[in-house]
Amino acid sequence: MKTEKEINEAIFKITLKIKEQFPELSKYIEEMPITVPINEDPQINSKTLLEYYNSLNIMLKDYSENNNIKPK
């Protein structure tokens, strides 16, 4: 498993890619449930960061496939 630092870097890169190449998706990043945990004292660890990264990746992949766009 990757370290938290590596996952954070991957999250940063995919978020930057979304904002630069697909700015229309930026609004959905803030609406994602994993972005704002429901718990009062959320546990942010490698597992939750990886889940967030995977959700961003799926969103980007689905959008690209549904719109016949190939991310750079």
PDB file of N, CA and C in Angstrom:
ATOM      1  N   MET A   1       0.843  -1.185   0.000  1.00  0.00           N
ATOM      2  CA  MET A   1       0.000   0.000   0.000  1.00  0.00           C
ATOM      3  C   MET A   1       0.889   1.251   0.000  1.00  0.00           C
ATOM      4  N   LYS A   2       0.419   2.277  -0.658  1.00  0.00           N
ATOM      5  CA  LYS A   2       1.159   3.534  -0.715  1.00  0.00           C
ATOM      6  C   LYS A   2       1.073   4.266   0.619  1.00  0.00           C
ATOM      7  N   THR A   3       2.027   5.146   0.845  1.00  0.00           N
ATOM      8  CA  THR A   3       2.006   5.956   2.062  1.00  0.00           C
ATOM      9  C   THR A   3       0.982   7.075   1.905  1.00  0.00           C
ATOM     10  N   GLU A   4       0.618   7.696   3.025  1.00  0.00           N
ATOM     11  CA  GLU A   4      -0.324   8.813   2.975  1.00  0.00           C
ATOM     12  C   GLU A   4       0.225   9.941   2.106  1.00  0.00           C
ATOM     13  N   LYS A   5       1.518  10.171   2.199  1.00  0.00           N
ATOM     14  CA  LYS A   5       2.140  11.227   1.392  1.00  0.00           C
ATOM     15  C   LYS A   5       1.990  10.934  -0.103  1.00  0.00           C
ATOM     16  N   GLU A   6       2.241   9.692  -0.500  1.00  0.00           N
ATOM     17  CA  GLU A   6       2.119   9.310  -1.909  1.00  0.00           C
ATOM     18  C   GLU A   6       0.676   9.437  -2.396  1.00  0.00           C
ATOM     19  N   ILE A   7      -0.264   9.039  -1.556  1.00  0.00           N
ATOM     20  CA  ILE A   7      -1.676   9.134  -1.933  1.00  0.00           C
ATOM     21  C   ILE A   7      -2.087  10.601  -2.032  1.00  0.00           C
ATOM     22  N   ASN A   8      -1.636  11.427  -1.091  1.00  0.00           N
ATOM     23  CA  ASN A   8      -1.940  12.859  -1.158  1.00  0.00           C
ATOM     24  C   ASN A   8      -1.391  13.482  -2.436  1.00  0.00           C
ATOM     25  N   GLU A   9      -0.195  13.082  -2.833  1.00  0.00           N
ATOM     26  CA  GLU A   9       0.394  13.587  -4.079  1.00  0.00           C
ATOM     27  C   GLU A   9      -0.448  13.160  -5.281  1.00  0.00           C
ATOM     28  N   ALA A  10      -0.922  11.918  -5.267  1.00  0.00           N
ATOM     29  CA  ALA A  10      -1.759  11.421  -6.361  1.00  0.00           C
ATOM     30  C   ALA A  10      -3.087  12.174  -6.400  1.00  0.00           C
ATOM     31  N   ILE A  11      -3.659  12.457  -5.228  1.00  0.00           N
ATOM     32  CA  ILE A  11      -4.903  13.225  -5.151  1.00  0.00           C
ATOM     33  C   ILE A  11      -4.681  14.623  -5.714  1.00  0.00           C
ATOM     34  N   PHE A  12      -3.570  15.233  -5.342  1.00  0.00           N
ATOM     35  CA  PHE A  12      -3.254  16.567  -5.847  1.00  0.00           C
ATOM     36  C   PHE A  12      -3.149  16.554  -7.372  1.00  0.00           C
ATOM     37  N   LYS A  13      -2.452  15.566  -7.916  1.00  0.00           N
ATOM     38  CA  LYS A  13      -2.251  15.490  -9.368  1.00  0.00           C
ATOM     39  C   LYS A  13      -3.565  15.285 -10.115  1.00  0.00           C
ATOM     40  N   ILE A  14      -4.404  14.379  -9.620  1.00  0.00           N
ATOM     41  CA  ILE A  14      -5.656  14.118 -10.334  1.00  0.00           C
ATOM     42  C   ILE A  14      -6.614  15.303 -10.188  1.00  0.00           C
ATOM     43  N   THR A  15      -6.589  15.964  -9.038  1.00  0.00           N
ATOM     44  CA  THR A  15      -7.425  17.150  -8.846  1.00  0.00           C
ATOM     45  C   THR A  15      -6.980  18.264  -9.785  1.00  0.00           C
ATOM     46  N   LEU A  16      -5.690  18.453  -9.914  1.00  0.00           N
ATOM     47  CA  LEU A  16      -5.147  19.457 -10.824  1.00  0.00           C
ATOM     48  C   LEU A  16      -5.528  19.130 -12.269  1.00  0.00           C
ATOM     49  N   LYS A  17      -5.432  17.861 -12.631  1.00  0.00           N
ATOM     50  CA  LYS A  17      -5.808  17.429 -13.982  1.00  0.00           C
ATOM     51  C   LYS A  17      -7.278  17.746 -14.249  1.00  0.00           C
ATOM     52  N   ILE A  18      -8.137  17.457 -13.283  1.00  0.00           N
ATOM     53  CA  ILE A  18      -9.564  17.731 -13.438  1.00  0.00           C
ATOM     54  C   ILE A  18      -9.789  19.231 -13.608  1.00  0.00           C
ATOM     55  N   LYS A  19      -9.159  20.037 -12.767  1.00  0.00           N
ATOM     56  CA  LYS A  19      -9.365  21.488 -12.833  1.00  0.00           C
ATOM     57  C   LYS A  19      -8.830  22.091 -14.123  1.00  0.00           C
ATOM     58  N   GLU A  20      -7.737  21.554 -14.652  1.00  0.00           N
ATOM     59  CA  GLU A  20      -7.147  22.103 -15.874  1.00  0.00           C
ATOM     60  C   GLU A  20      -7.816  21.570 -17.143  1.00  0.00           C
ATOM     61  N   GLN A  21      -8.100  20.271 -17.187  1.00  0.00           N
ATOM     62  CA  GLN A  21      -8.615  19.662 -18.411  1.00  0.00           C
ATOM     63  C   GLN A  21     -10.135  19.545 -18.445  1.00  0.00           C
ATOM     64  N   PHE A  22     -10.749  19.445 -17.278  1.00  0.00           N
ATOM     65  CA  PHE A  22     -12.196  19.260 -17.198  1.00  0.00           C
ATOM     66  C   PHE A  22     -12.783  20.158 -16.103  1.00  0.00           C
ATOM     67  N   PRO A  23     -12.660  21.470 -16.244  1.00  0.00           N
ATOM     68  CA  PRO A  23     -13.117  22.375 -15.178  1.00  0.00           C
ATOM     69  C   PRO A  23     -14.599  22.216 -14.840  1.00  0.00           C
ATOM     70  N   GLU A  24     -15.366  21.705 -15.783  1.00  0.00           N
ATOM     71  CA  GLU A  24     -16.790  21.492 -15.527  1.00  0.00           C
ATOM     72  C   GLU A  24     -17.023  20.436 -14.448  1.00  0.00           C
ATOM     73  N   LEU A  25     -16.033  19.617 -14.150  1.00  0.00           N
ATOM     74  CA  LEU A  25     -16.162  18.597 -13.099  1.00  0.00           C
ATOM     75  C   LEU A  25     -15.778  19.121 -11.718  1.00  0.00           C
ATOM     76  N   SER A  26     -15.124  20.259 -11.662  1.00  0.00           N
ATOM     77  CA  SER A  26     -14.633  20.796 -10.384  1.00  0.00           C
ATOM     78  C   SER A  26     -15.736  20.930  -9.345  1.00  0.00           C
ATOM     79  N   LYS A  27     -16.921  21.323  -9.790  1.00  0.00           N
ATOM     80  CA  LYS A  27     -18.020  21.505  -8.830  1.00  0.00           C
ATOM     81  C   LYS A  27     -18.391  20.201  -8.130  1.00  0.00           C
ATOM     82  N   TYR A  28     -18.180  19.072  -8.791  1.00  0.00           N
ATOM     83  CA  TYR A  28     -18.533  17.788  -8.189  1.00  0.00           C
ATOM     84  C   TYR A  28     -17.536  17.332  -7.131  1.00  0.00           C
ATOM     85  N   ILE A  29     -16.321  17.826  -7.215  1.00  0.00           N
ATOM     86  CA  ILE A  29     -15.313  17.448  -6.222  1.00  0.00           C
ATOM     87  C   ILE A  29     -15.763  17.882  -4.832  1.00  0.00           C
ATOM     88  N   GLU A  30     -16.269  19.105  -4.729  1.00  0.00           N
ATOM     89  CA  GLU A  30     -16.707  19.617  -3.430  1.00  0.00           C
ATOM     90  C   GLU A  30     -17.952  18.916  -2.924  1.00  0.00           C
ATOM     91  N   GLU A  31     -18.738  18.352  -3.824  1.00  0.00           N
ATOM     92  CA  GLU A  31     -19.981  17.688  -3.438  1.00  0.00           C
ATOM     93  C   GLU A  31     -19.786  16.222  -3.065  1.00  0.00           C
ATOM     94  N   MET A  32     -18.602  15.693  -3.298  1.00  0.00           N
ATOM     95  CA  MET A  32     -18.366  14.278  -3.024  1.00  0.00           C
ATOM     96  C   MET A  32     -18.429  14.025  -1.515  1.00  0.00           C
ATOM     97  N   PRO A  33     -19.188  13.014  -1.086  1.00  0.00           N
ATOM     98  CA  PRO A  33     -19.339  12.743   0.347  1.00  0.00           C
ATOM     99  C   PRO A  33     -18.025  12.478   1.062  1.00  0.00           C
ATOM    100  N   ILE A  34     -17.086  11.896   0.383  1.00  0.00           N
ATOM    101  CA  ILE A  34     -15.825  11.570   1.042  1.00  0.00           C
ATOM    102  C   ILE A  34     -14.984  12.820   1.286  1.00  0.00           C
ATOM    103  N   THR A  35     -15.263  13.905   0.542  1.00  0.00           N
ATOM    104  CA  THR A  35     -14.524  15.153   0.732  1.00  0.00           C
ATOM    105  C   THR A  35     -14.829  15.745   2.098  1.00  0.00           C
ATOM    106  N   VAL A  36     -16.097  15.709   2.482  1.00  0.00           N
ATOM    107  CA  VAL A  36     -16.516  16.245   3.771  1.00  0.00           C
ATOM    108  C   VAL A  36     -17.128  15.096   4.568  1.00  0.00           C
ATOM    109  N   PRO A  37     -16.340  14.446   5.403  1.00  0.00           N
ATOM    110  CA  PRO A  37     -16.862  13.310   6.172  1.00  0.00           C
ATOM    111  C   PRO A  37     -18.029  13.718   7.071  1.00  0.00           C
ATOM    112  N   ILE A  38     -18.939  12.795   7.269  1.00  0.00           N
ATOM    113  CA  ILE A  38     -20.129  13.046   8.068  1.00  0.00           C
ATOM    114  C   ILE A  38     -19.812  13.024   9.563  1.00  0.00           C
ATOM    115  N   ASN A  39     -18.876  12.214   9.970  1.00  0.00           N
ATOM    116  CA  ASN A  39     -18.537  12.070  11.388  1.00  0.00           C
ATOM    117  C   ASN A  39     -18.020  13.372  11.979  1.00  0.00           C
ATOM    118  N   GLU A  40     -18.254  13.536  13.292  1.00  0.00           N
ATOM    119  CA  GLU A  40     -17.723  14.712  13.986  1.00  0.00           C
ATOM    120  C   GLU A  40     -16.205  14.678  14.046  1.00  0.00           C
ATOM    121  N   ASP A  41     -15.669  13.502  14.262  1.00  0.00           N
ATOM    122  CA  ASP A  41     -14.223  13.340  14.380  1.00  0.00           C
ATOM    123  C   ASP A  41     -13.751  12.332  13.325  1.00  0.00           C
ATOM    124  N   PRO A  42     -13.704  12.772  12.058  1.00  0.00           N
ATOM    125  CA  PRO A  42     -13.366  11.821  10.996  1.00  0.00           C
ATOM    126  C   PRO A  42     -11.928  11.331  11.084  1.00  0.00           C
ATOM    127  N   GLN A  43     -11.739  10.082  10.749  1.00  0.00           N
ATOM    128  CA  GLN A  43     -10.405   9.491  10.722  1.00  0.00           C
ATOM    129  C   GLN A  43      -9.876   9.592   9.299  1.00  0.00           C
ATOM    130  N   ILE A  44      -8.859  10.396   9.114  1.00  0.00           N
ATOM    131  CA  ILE A  44      -8.228  10.520   7.807  1.00  0.00           C
ATOM    132  C   ILE A  44      -6.960   9.673   7.841  1.00  0.00           C
ATOM    133  N   ASN A  45      -6.976   8.616   7.053  1.00  0.00           N
ATOM    134  CA  ASN A  45      -5.826   7.718   7.009  1.00  0.00           C
ATOM    135  C   ASN A  45      -5.616   7.250   5.572  1.00  0.00           C
ATOM    136  N   SER A  46      -4.686   6.366   5.380  1.00  0.00           N
ATOM    137  CA  SER A  46      -4.374   5.882   4.030  1.00  0.00           C
ATOM    138  C   SER A  46      -5.599   5.296   3.345  1.00  0.00           C
ATOM    139  N   LYS A  47      -6.408   4.576   4.101  1.00  0.00           N
ATOM    140  CA  LYS A  47      -7.588   3.934   3.521  1.00  0.00           C
ATOM    141  C   LYS A  47      -8.583   4.972   3.010  1.00  0.00           C
ATOM    142  N   THR A  48      -8.897   5.977   3.821  1.00  0.00           N
ATOM    143  CA  THR A  48      -9.865   6.988   3.387  1.00  0.00           C
ATOM    144  C   THR A  48      -9.305   7.840   2.250  1.00  0.00           C
ATOM    145  N   LEU A  49      -8.012   8.129   2.303  1.00  0.00           N
ATOM    146  CA  LEU A  49      -7.394   8.895   1.215  1.00  0.00           C
ATOM    147  C   LEU A  49      -7.433   8.104  -0.087  1.00  0.00           C
ATOM    148  N   LEU A  50      -7.166   6.814  -0.008  1.00  0.00           N
ATOM    149  CA  LEU A  50      -7.195   5.969  -1.200  1.00  0.00           C
ATOM    150  C   LEU A  50      -8.616   5.874  -1.763  1.00  0.00           C
ATOM    151  N   GLU A  51      -9.604   5.780  -0.887  1.00  0.00           N
ATOM    152  CA  GLU A  51     -10.996   5.758  -1.335  1.00  0.00           C
ATOM    153  C   GLU A  51     -11.343   7.055  -2.063  1.00  0.00           C
ATOM    154  N   TYR A  52     -10.876   8.176  -1.529  1.00  0.00           N
ATOM    155  CA  TYR A  52     -11.125   9.469  -2.162  1.00  0.00           C
ATOM    156  C   TYR A  52     -10.433   9.538  -3.523  1.00  0.00           C
ATOM    157  N   TYR A  53      -9.177   9.110  -3.579  1.00  0.00           N
ATOM    158  CA  TYR A  53      -8.448   9.093  -4.853  1.00  0.00           C
ATOM    159  C   TYR A  53      -9.189   8.229  -5.874  1.00  0.00           C
ATOM    160  N   ASN A  54      -9.610   7.044  -5.449  1.00  0.00           N
ATOM    161  CA  ASN A  54     -10.319   6.143  -6.359  1.00  0.00           C
ATOM    162  C   ASN A  54     -11.619   6.762  -6.861  1.00  0.00           C
ATOM    163  N   SER A  55     -12.334   7.471  -5.995  1.00  0.00           N
ATOM    164  CA  SER A  55     -13.583   8.103  -6.421  1.00  0.00           C
ATOM    165  C   SER A  55     -13.311   9.210  -7.445  1.00  0.00           C
ATOM    166  N   LEU A  56     -12.231   9.964  -7.264  1.00  0.00           N
ATOM    167  CA  LEU A  56     -11.855  10.986  -8.251  1.00  0.00           C
ATOM    168  C   LEU A  56     -11.494  10.326  -9.577  1.00  0.00           C
ATOM    169  N   ASN A  57     -10.748   9.248  -9.502  1.00  0.00           N
ATOM    170  CA  ASN A  57     -10.322   8.532 -10.698  1.00  0.00           C
ATOM    171  C   ASN A  57     -11.522   7.971 -11.457  1.00  0.00           C
ATOM    172  N   ILE A  58     -12.468   7.407 -10.742  1.00  0.00           N
ATOM    173  CA  ILE A  58     -13.676   6.859 -11.365  1.00  0.00           C
ATOM    174  C   ILE A  58     -14.486   7.971 -12.018  1.00  0.00           C
ATOM    175  N   MET A  59     -14.630   9.101 -11.322  1.00  0.00           N
ATOM    176  CA  MET A  59     -15.373  10.226 -11.878  1.00  0.00           C
ATOM    177  C   MET A  59     -14.737  10.685 -13.190  1.00  0.00           C
ATOM    178  N   LEU A  60     -13.426  10.829 -13.198  1.00  0.00           N
ATOM    179  CA  LEU A  60     -12.709  11.269 -14.389  1.00  0.00           C
ATOM    180  C   LEU A  60     -12.839  10.244 -15.520  1.00  0.00           C
ATOM    181  N   LYS A  61     -12.679   8.985 -15.183  1.00  0.00           N
ATOM    182  CA  LYS A  61     -12.773   7.916 -16.185  1.00  0.00           C
ATOM    183  C   LYS A  61     -14.176   7.851 -16.787  1.00  0.00           C
ATOM    184  N   ASP A  62     -15.201   7.870 -15.935  1.00  0.00           N
ATOM    185  CA  ASP A  62     -16.581   7.803 -16.415  1.00  0.00           C
ATOM    186  C   ASP A  62     -16.920   8.995 -17.306  1.00  0.00           C
ATOM    187  N   TYR A  63     -16.519  10.171 -16.880  1.00  0.00           N
ATOM    188  CA  TYR A  63     -16.793  11.373 -17.665  1.00  0.00           C
ATOM    189  C   TYR A  63     -16.097  11.288 -19.020  1.00  0.00           C
ATOM    190  N   SER A  64     -14.860  10.867 -19.013  1.00  0.00           N
ATOM    191  CA  SER A  64     -14.091  10.753 -20.258  1.00  0.00           C
ATOM    192  C   SER A  64     -14.728   9.747 -21.211  1.00  0.00           C
ATOM    193  N   GLU A  65     -15.113   8.599 -20.678  1.00  0.00           N
ATOM    194  CA  GLU A  65     -15.714   7.558 -21.519  1.00  0.00           C
ATOM    195  C   GLU A  65     -17.073   7.988 -22.059  1.00  0.00           C
ATOM    196  N   ASN A  66     -17.887   8.611 -21.216  1.00  0.00           N
ATOM    197  CA  ASN A  66     -19.227   9.021 -21.634  1.00  0.00           C
ATOM    198  C   ASN A  66     -19.212  10.166 -22.635  1.00  0.00           C
ATOM    199  N   ASN A  67     -18.127  10.915 -22.672  1.00  0.00           N
ATOM    200  CA  ASN A  67     -18.028  12.051 -23.586  1.00  0.00           C
ATOM    201  C   ASN A  67     -16.977  11.834 -24.673  1.00  0.00           C
ATOM    202  N   ASN A  68     -16.516  10.601 -24.796  1.00  0.00           N
ATOM    203  CA  ASN A  68     -15.499  10.244 -25.793  1.00  0.00           C
ATOM    204  C   ASN A  68     -14.300  11.189 -25.772  1.00  0.00           C
ATOM    205  N   ILE A  69     -13.811  11.456 -24.577  1.00  0.00           N
ATOM    206  CA  ILE A  69     -12.657  12.331 -24.386  1.00  0.00           C
ATOM    207  C   ILE A  69     -11.539  11.495 -23.784  1.00  0.00           C
ATOM    208  N   LYS A  70     -10.343  11.693 -24.279  1.00  0.00           N
ATOM    209  CA  LYS A  70      -9.192  10.977 -23.733  1.00  0.00           C
ATOM    210  C   LYS A  70      -8.377  11.953 -22.890  1.00  0.00           C
ATOM    211  N   PRO A  71      -8.278  11.724 -21.555  1.00  0.00           N
ATOM    212  CA  PRO A  71      -7.477  12.626 -20.719  1.00  0.00           C
ATOM    213  C   PRO A  71      -6.013  12.605 -21.138  1.00  0.00           C
ATOM    214  N   LYS A  72      -5.381  13.740 -21.000  1.00  0.00           N
ATOM    215  CA  LYS A  72      -3.961  13.868 -21.364  1.00  0.00           C
ATOM    216  C   LYS A  72      -3.073  13.362 -20.258  1.00  0.00           C
TER     217      LYS A  72
END
